[in-house]
Amino acid sequence: MNSLYKLLIIIIDHNYLAKLEKLLKKYSTSFHFLANAKGTANNEILNYLGLGNTPKHIVLLVLEEKMVFNIFKILNSELKFDIPGRGIAFTIELDSISGKNALKYLTNDKLEVM
């Protein structure tokens, strides 16, 4: 089953968060959630993945499926996600969202007044 919406998960180094937020405001109409993060991997694994032991942030946002490819292109071109240590991004299919108003809230659409 193809999903109309995806949950985009971005794990990014603290130093690139401000630029990411500017890009998300410019290219995405979706509301996003932000959480501070700290990795649990040992230094050998962190160094192999190019993540280092620096503060990270996890950004979650709901996107229409048709926007995902362009957001990934922007992450690579503007934030150089193809360079180790810049960040990781991936999507998860959303098969259902509990209600029309929840979907509108997550996608920054106007809510219906009941």
C-alpha atoms as a PDB file:
ATOM      1  CA  MET A   1       0.000   0.000   0.000  1.00  0.00           C
ATOM      2  CA  ASN A   2       1.407   3.369  -0.981  1.00  0.00           C
ATOM      3  CA  SER A   3       1.200   6.051   1.646  1.00  0.00           C
ATOM      4  CA  LEU A   4       0.223   9.624   0.800  1.00  0.00           C
ATOM      5  CA  TYR A   5       2.253  10.938   3.736  1.00  0.00           C
ATOM      6  CA  LYS A   6       5.665  10.106   5.153  1.00  0.00           C
ATOM      7  CA  LEU A   7       7.249  10.799   8.494  1.00  0.00           C
ATOM      8  CA  LEU A   8      10.639  12.347   7.791  1.00  0.00           C
ATOM      9  CA  ILE A   9      13.204  11.764  10.520  1.00  0.00           C
ATOM     10  CA  ILE A  10      16.372  13.838  10.471  1.00  0.00           C
ATOM     11  CA  ILE A  11      19.251  13.382  12.904  1.00  0.00           C
ATOM     12  CA  ILE A  12      21.547  16.359  12.637  1.00  0.00           C
ATOM     13  CA  ASP A  13      24.595  17.773  14.356  1.00  0.00           C
ATOM     14  CA  HIS A  14      23.869  20.724  16.633  1.00  0.00           C
ATOM     15  CA  ASN A  15      26.021  23.038  14.492  1.00  0.00           C
ATOM     16  CA  TYR A  16      23.721  22.615  11.461  1.00  0.00           C
ATOM     17  CA  LEU A  17      20.342  22.895  13.185  1.00  0.00           C
ATOM     18  CA  ALA A  18      19.730  26.609  12.500  1.00  0.00           C
ATOM     19  CA  LYS A  19      20.393  26.168   8.784  1.00  0.00           C
ATOM     20  CA  LEU A  20      18.129  23.101   8.676  1.00  0.00           C
ATOM     21  CA  GLU A  21      15.292  25.006  10.325  1.00  0.00           C
ATOM     22  CA  LYS A  22      15.619  27.828   7.773  1.00  0.00           C
ATOM     23  CA  LEU A  23      15.491  25.309   4.933  1.00  0.00           C
ATOM     24  CA  LEU A  24      12.451  23.560   6.390  1.00  0.00           C
ATOM     25  CA  LYS A  25      10.608  26.865   6.694  1.00  0.00           C
ATOM     26  CA  LYS A  26      11.496  27.740   3.116  1.00  0.00           C
ATOM     27  CA  TYR A  27      10.759  24.407   1.421  1.00  0.00           C
ATOM     28  CA  SER A  28       8.234  22.666   3.649  1.00  0.00           C
ATOM     29  CA  THR A  29       4.873  23.803   4.918  1.00  0.00           C
ATOM     30  CA  SER A  30       4.853  21.072   7.525  1.00  0.00           C
ATOM     31  CA  PHE A  31       5.022  21.585  11.252  1.00  0.00           C
ATOM     32  CA  HIS A  32       8.090  19.902  12.721  1.00  0.00           C
ATOM     33  CA  PHE A  33       8.998  18.501  16.120  1.00  0.00           C
ATOM     34  CA  LEU A  34      12.479  18.912  17.568  1.00  0.00           C
ATOM     35  CA  ALA A  35      14.180  16.891  20.298  1.00  0.00           C
ATOM     36  CA  ASN A  36      17.685  17.083  21.713  1.00  0.00           C
ATOM     37  CA  ALA A  37      19.607  13.833  21.403  1.00  0.00           C
ATOM     38  CA  LYS A  38      22.751  12.119  22.541  1.00  0.00           C
ATOM     39  CA  GLY A  39      24.112   9.010  20.912  1.00  0.00           C
ATOM     40  CA  THR A  40      24.800   5.816  22.801  1.00  0.00           C
ATOM     41  CA  ALA A  41      27.241   4.233  20.363  1.00  0.00           C
ATOM     42  CA  ASN A  42      30.887   3.877  21.358  1.00  0.00           C
ATOM     43  CA  ASN A  43      33.480   6.191  19.793  1.00  0.00           C
ATOM     44  CA  GLU A  44      34.673   3.566  17.313  1.00  0.00           C
ATOM     45  CA  ILE A  45      31.195   3.238  15.810  1.00  0.00           C
ATOM     46  CA  LEU A  46      30.616   7.014  15.906  1.00  0.00           C
ATOM     47  CA  ASN A  47      33.883   7.664  14.101  1.00  0.00           C
ATOM     48  CA  TYR A  48      33.112   4.984  11.495  1.00  0.00           C
ATOM     49  CA  LEU A  49      29.732   6.592  10.771  1.00  0.00           C
ATOM     50  CA  GLY A  50      31.286  10.064  10.778  1.00  0.00           C
ATOM     51  CA  LEU A  51      29.015  11.254  13.573  1.00  0.00           C
ATOM     52  CA  GLY A  52      31.519  12.106  16.292  1.00  0.00           C
ATOM     53  CA  ASN A  53      30.520  12.698  19.890  1.00  0.00           C
ATOM     54  CA  THR A  54      28.719  16.027  19.515  1.00  0.00           C
ATOM     55  CA  PRO A  55      25.204  17.086  20.539  1.00  0.00           C
ATOM     56  CA  LYS A  56      22.567  16.029  18.053  1.00  0.00           C
ATOM     57  CA  HIS A  57      18.971  16.918  17.330  1.00  0.00           C
ATOM     58  CA  ILE A  58      16.163  14.763  16.021  1.00  0.00           C
ATOM     59  CA  VAL A  59      13.669  16.518  13.776  1.00  0.00           C
ATOM     60  CA  LEU A  60      10.364  14.861  12.880  1.00  0.00           C
ATOM     61  CA  LEU A  61       7.965  16.162  10.271  1.00  0.00           C
ATOM     62  CA  VAL A  62       5.095  14.880   8.179  1.00  0.00           C
ATOM     63  CA  LEU A  63       5.430  15.407   4.439  1.00  0.00           C
ATOM     64  CA  GLU A  64       3.402  14.564   1.414  1.00  0.00           C
ATOM     65  CA  GLU A  65       5.099  11.710  -0.390  1.00  0.00           C
ATOM     66  CA  LYS A  66       5.651  13.856  -3.497  1.00  0.00           C
ATOM     67  CA  MET A  67       7.848  16.274  -1.469  1.00  0.00           C
ATOM     68  CA  VAL A  68      10.269  13.689  -0.067  1.00  0.00           C
ATOM     69  CA  PHE A  69      12.623  13.443  -3.047  1.00  0.00           C
ATOM     70  CA  ASN A  70      13.024  17.233  -3.247  1.00  0.00           C
ATOM     71  CA  ILE A  71      13.695  17.525   0.502  1.00  0.00           C
ATOM     72  CA  PHE A  72      16.430  14.868   0.230  1.00  0.00           C
ATOM     73  CA  LYS A  73      17.974  16.757  -2.717  1.00  0.00           C
ATOM     74  CA  ILE A  74      17.926  19.963  -0.651  1.00  0.00           C
ATOM     75  CA  LEU A  75      19.522  18.223   2.341  1.00  0.00           C
ATOM     76  CA  ASN A  76      22.341  17.007   0.092  1.00  0.00           C
ATOM     77  CA  SER A  77      22.871  20.258  -1.781  1.00  0.00           C
ATOM     78  CA  GLU A  78      22.398  22.783   1.033  1.00  0.00           C
ATOM     79  CA  LEU A  79      23.567  20.839   4.116  1.00  0.00           C
ATOM     80  CA  LYS A  80      25.939  18.402   2.391  1.00  0.00           C
ATOM     81  CA  PHE A  81      24.331  15.312   3.957  1.00  0.00           C
ATOM     82  CA  ASP A  82      26.496  13.247   1.610  1.00  0.00           C
ATOM     83  CA  ILE A  83      29.510  14.246   3.764  1.00  0.00           C
ATOM     84  CA  PRO A  84      29.942  12.064   6.880  1.00  0.00           C
ATOM     85  CA  GLY A  85      28.995  13.840  10.099  1.00  0.00           C
ATOM     86  CA  ARG A  86      26.484  16.255   8.611  1.00  0.00           C
ATOM     87  CA  GLY A  87      23.361  14.248   9.326  1.00  0.00           C
ATOM     88  CA  ILE A  88      21.115  11.336   8.517  1.00  0.00           C
ATOM     89  CA  ALA A  89      17.607  11.482   7.078  1.00  0.00           C
ATOM     90  CA  PHE A  90      15.075   8.765   6.339  1.00  0.00           C
ATOM     91  CA  THR A  91      11.320   8.330   6.012  1.00  0.00           C
ATOM     92  CA  ILE A  92       8.703   5.995   7.421  1.00  0.00           C
ATOM     93  CA  GLU A  93       5.375   5.399   5.712  1.00  0.00           C
ATOM     94  CA  LEU A  94       2.295   6.628   7.523  1.00  0.00           C
ATOM     95  CA  ASP A  95      -0.604   4.316   6.798  1.00  0.00           C
ATOM     96  CA  SER A  96      -3.074   6.197   8.963  1.00  0.00           C
ATOM     97  CA  ILE A  97      -3.418   9.363  10.983  1.00  0.00           C
ATOM     98  CA  SER A  98      -6.125   9.580  13.618  1.00  0.00           C
ATOM     99  CA  GLY A  99      -8.492  12.125  12.187  1.00  0.00           C
ATOM    100  CA  LYS A 100      -8.688  14.914   9.670  1.00  0.00           C
ATOM    101  CA  ASN A 101      -7.809  17.638  12.197  1.00  0.00           C
ATOM    102  CA  ALA A 102      -4.688  15.753  13.317  1.00  0.00           C
ATOM    103  CA  LEU A 103      -3.539  15.506   9.698  1.00  0.00           C
ATOM    104  CA  LYS A 104      -4.225  19.184   9.095  1.00  0.00           C
ATOM    105  CA  TYR A 105      -2.284  20.113  12.234  1.00  0.00           C
ATOM    106  CA  LEU A 106       0.715  18.004  11.230  1.00  0.00           C
ATOM    107  CA  THR A 107       0.749  19.375   7.686  1.00  0.00           C
ATOM    108  CA  ASN A 108       0.127  22.983   8.743  1.00  0.00           C
ATOM    109  CA  ASP A 109      -3.238  23.103   6.984  1.00  0.00           C
ATOM    110  CA  LYS A 110      -6.151  25.120   8.394  1.00  0.00           C
ATOM    111  CA  LEU A 111      -8.161  23.330  11.070  1.00  0.00           C
ATOM    112  CA  GLU A 112     -11.897  23.077  10.795  1.00  0.00           C
ATOM    113  CA  VAL A 113     -13.833  24.771  13.563  1.00  0.00           C
ATOM    114  CA  MET A 114     -16.555  22.529  14.939  1.00  0.00           C
END
